[in-house]
Amino acid sequence: METLPTKAITKGELNSRNDKTAAARYSKRRDIDQRLADRALRHQLREVWDE
C-alpha cells in the first residue's frame, strides 16, 4: 500500500501549535497549583481553629 504524501507544516505553524500547547499546559498547571495552595490553607486554618 502506498503512503500518502504528508503536508509539511511551516515553521510558523509549528511554533503556533507549540505555543497553544504550552499555554494550555501552563494554564492547567496554574489551576492545579492554586487548588493545592487552597487545600493547604484550609488545612492550616482547620489546625488553628481546632486548637
N, C-alpha and C. Protein backbone atom coordinates (compact mmCIF):
# COMPACT_ATOMS: atom_id res chain seq x y z
N MET A 1 0.84 -1.19 0.00
CA MET A 1 0.00 0.00 0.00
C MET A 1 0.88 1.25 0.00
N GLU A 2 0.52 2.16 -0.86
CA GLU A 2 1.32 3.39 -0.97
C GLU A 2 0.97 4.35 0.17
N THR A 3 1.98 5.01 0.69
CA THR A 3 1.70 6.01 1.73
C THR A 3 1.38 7.33 1.04
N LEU A 4 0.45 8.03 1.62
CA LEU A 4 0.07 9.33 1.07
C LEU A 4 1.11 10.37 1.46
N PRO A 5 1.40 11.30 0.58
CA PRO A 5 2.37 12.34 0.95
C PRO A 5 1.80 13.19 2.10
N THR A 6 2.63 13.45 3.06
CA THR A 6 2.19 14.28 4.19
C THR A 6 2.44 15.74 3.87
N LYS A 7 1.57 16.59 4.38
CA LYS A 7 1.72 18.03 4.15
C LYS A 7 2.74 18.56 5.15
N ALA A 8 3.77 19.16 4.63
CA ALA A 8 4.77 19.75 5.50
C ALA A 8 4.19 21.01 6.13
N ILE A 9 4.46 21.19 7.41
CA ILE A 9 3.97 22.41 8.05
C ILE A 9 5.12 23.41 8.14
N THR A 10 4.76 24.66 8.06
CA THR A 10 5.79 25.69 8.11
C THR A 10 6.28 25.87 9.54
N LYS A 11 7.41 26.51 9.66
CA LYS A 11 7.97 26.76 10.99
C LYS A 11 7.01 27.61 11.83
N GLY A 12 6.35 28.56 11.17
CA GLY A 12 5.38 29.41 11.88
C GLY A 12 4.21 28.61 12.42
N GLU A 13 3.72 27.67 11.62
CA GLU A 13 2.61 26.82 12.07
C GLU A 13 3.04 25.94 13.24
N LEU A 14 4.24 25.41 13.15
CA LEU A 14 4.77 24.57 14.22
C LEU A 14 4.90 25.38 15.51
N ASN A 15 5.45 26.59 15.40
CA ASN A 15 5.60 27.45 16.57
C ASN A 15 4.24 27.80 17.17
N SER A 16 3.27 28.06 16.31
CA SER A 16 1.93 28.40 16.77
C SER A 16 1.32 27.23 17.55
N ARG A 17 1.46 26.02 17.00
CA ARG A 17 0.94 24.82 17.69
C ARG A 17 1.62 24.64 19.04
N ASN A 18 2.95 24.80 19.04
CA ASN A 18 3.70 24.64 20.29
C ASN A 18 3.28 25.68 21.32
N ASP A 19 3.05 26.91 20.88
CA ASP A 19 2.63 27.98 21.79
C ASP A 19 1.27 27.65 22.41
N LYS A 20 0.33 27.17 21.58
CA LYS A 20 -1.00 26.82 22.09
C LYS A 20 -0.92 25.69 23.10
N THR A 21 -0.13 24.67 22.79
CA THR A 21 0.03 23.53 23.70
C THR A 21 0.65 23.97 25.02
N ALA A 22 1.70 24.79 24.91
CA ALA A 22 2.38 25.26 26.12
C ALA A 22 1.46 26.13 26.96
N ALA A 23 0.66 26.97 26.33
CA ALA A 23 -0.26 27.85 27.06
C ALA A 23 -1.31 27.02 27.80
N ALA A 24 -1.84 26.00 27.13
CA ALA A 24 -2.84 25.14 27.77
C ALA A 24 -2.25 24.39 28.95
N ARG A 25 -1.02 23.90 28.75
CA ARG A 25 -0.36 23.15 29.82
C ARG A 25 -0.06 24.06 31.01
N TYR A 26 0.41 25.28 30.73
CA TYR A 26 0.73 26.24 31.79
C TYR A 26 -0.53 26.61 32.57
N SER A 27 -1.63 26.83 31.84
CA SER A 27 -2.90 27.19 32.47
C SER A 27 -3.37 26.07 33.39
N LYS A 28 -3.28 24.84 32.92
CA LYS A 28 -3.71 23.69 33.73
C LYS A 28 -2.84 23.57 34.97
N ARG A 29 -1.53 23.78 34.81
CA ARG A 29 -0.61 23.70 35.94
C ARG A 29 -0.93 24.77 36.99
N ARG A 30 -1.25 25.99 36.52
CA ARG A 30 -1.63 27.06 37.46
C ARG A 30 -2.88 26.70 38.23
N ASP A 31 -3.86 26.09 37.55
CA ASP A 31 -5.09 25.66 38.23
C ASP A 31 -4.77 24.64 39.31
N ILE A 32 -3.92 23.67 38.97
CA ILE A 32 -3.54 22.64 39.94
C ILE A 32 -2.81 23.26 41.12
N ASP A 33 -1.86 24.15 40.84
CA ASP A 33 -1.11 24.81 41.92
C ASP A 33 -2.04 25.61 42.82
N GLN A 34 -3.03 26.28 42.23
CA GLN A 34 -3.97 27.07 43.02
C GLN A 34 -4.81 26.17 43.92
N ARG A 35 -5.25 25.05 43.37
CA ARG A 35 -6.04 24.10 44.16
C ARG A 35 -5.24 23.56 45.34
N LEU A 36 -3.96 23.24 45.09
CA LEU A 36 -3.10 22.74 46.17
C LEU A 36 -2.88 23.81 47.24
N ALA A 37 -2.68 25.05 46.81
CA ALA A 37 -2.49 26.14 47.76
C ALA A 37 -3.76 26.36 48.59
N ASP A 38 -4.92 26.30 47.95
CA ASP A 38 -6.19 26.44 48.67
C ASP A 38 -6.36 25.33 49.70
N ARG A 39 -6.02 24.12 49.30
CA ARG A 39 -6.16 22.98 50.21
C ARG A 39 -5.23 23.13 51.41
N ALA A 40 -3.98 23.56 51.15
CA ALA A 40 -3.01 23.75 52.23
C ALA A 40 -3.52 24.82 53.20
N LEU A 41 -4.09 25.89 52.66
CA LEU A 41 -4.62 26.96 53.50
C LEU A 41 -5.78 26.46 54.36
N ARG A 42 -6.67 25.67 53.75
CA ARG A 42 -7.80 25.10 54.51
C ARG A 42 -7.30 24.24 55.66
N HIS A 43 -6.26 23.43 55.40
CA HIS A 43 -5.71 22.58 56.46
C HIS A 43 -5.10 23.42 57.58
N GLN A 44 -4.40 24.48 57.20
CA GLN A 44 -3.79 25.34 58.22
C GLN A 44 -4.88 26.01 59.06
N LEU A 45 -5.91 26.50 58.40
CA LEU A 45 -6.99 27.15 59.13
C LEU A 45 -7.70 26.17 60.06
N ARG A 46 -7.89 24.95 59.59
CA ARG A 46 -8.55 23.94 60.42
C ARG A 46 -7.71 23.64 61.65
N GLU A 47 -6.37 23.54 61.48
CA GLU A 47 -5.50 23.27 62.61
C GLU A 47 -5.60 24.40 63.65
N VAL A 48 -5.57 25.62 63.18
CA VAL A 48 -5.65 26.77 64.09
C VAL A 48 -7.00 26.80 64.77
N TRP A 49 -8.05 26.54 64.01
CA TRP A 49 -9.42 26.59 64.52
C TRP A 49 -9.64 25.52 65.57
N ASP A 50 -9.07 24.34 65.36
CA ASP A 50 -9.28 23.19 66.27
C ASP A 50 -8.47 23.28 67.54
N GLU A 51 -7.47 24.17 67.59
CA GLU A 51 -6.63 24.26 68.79
C GLU A 51 -7.38 24.77 69.98
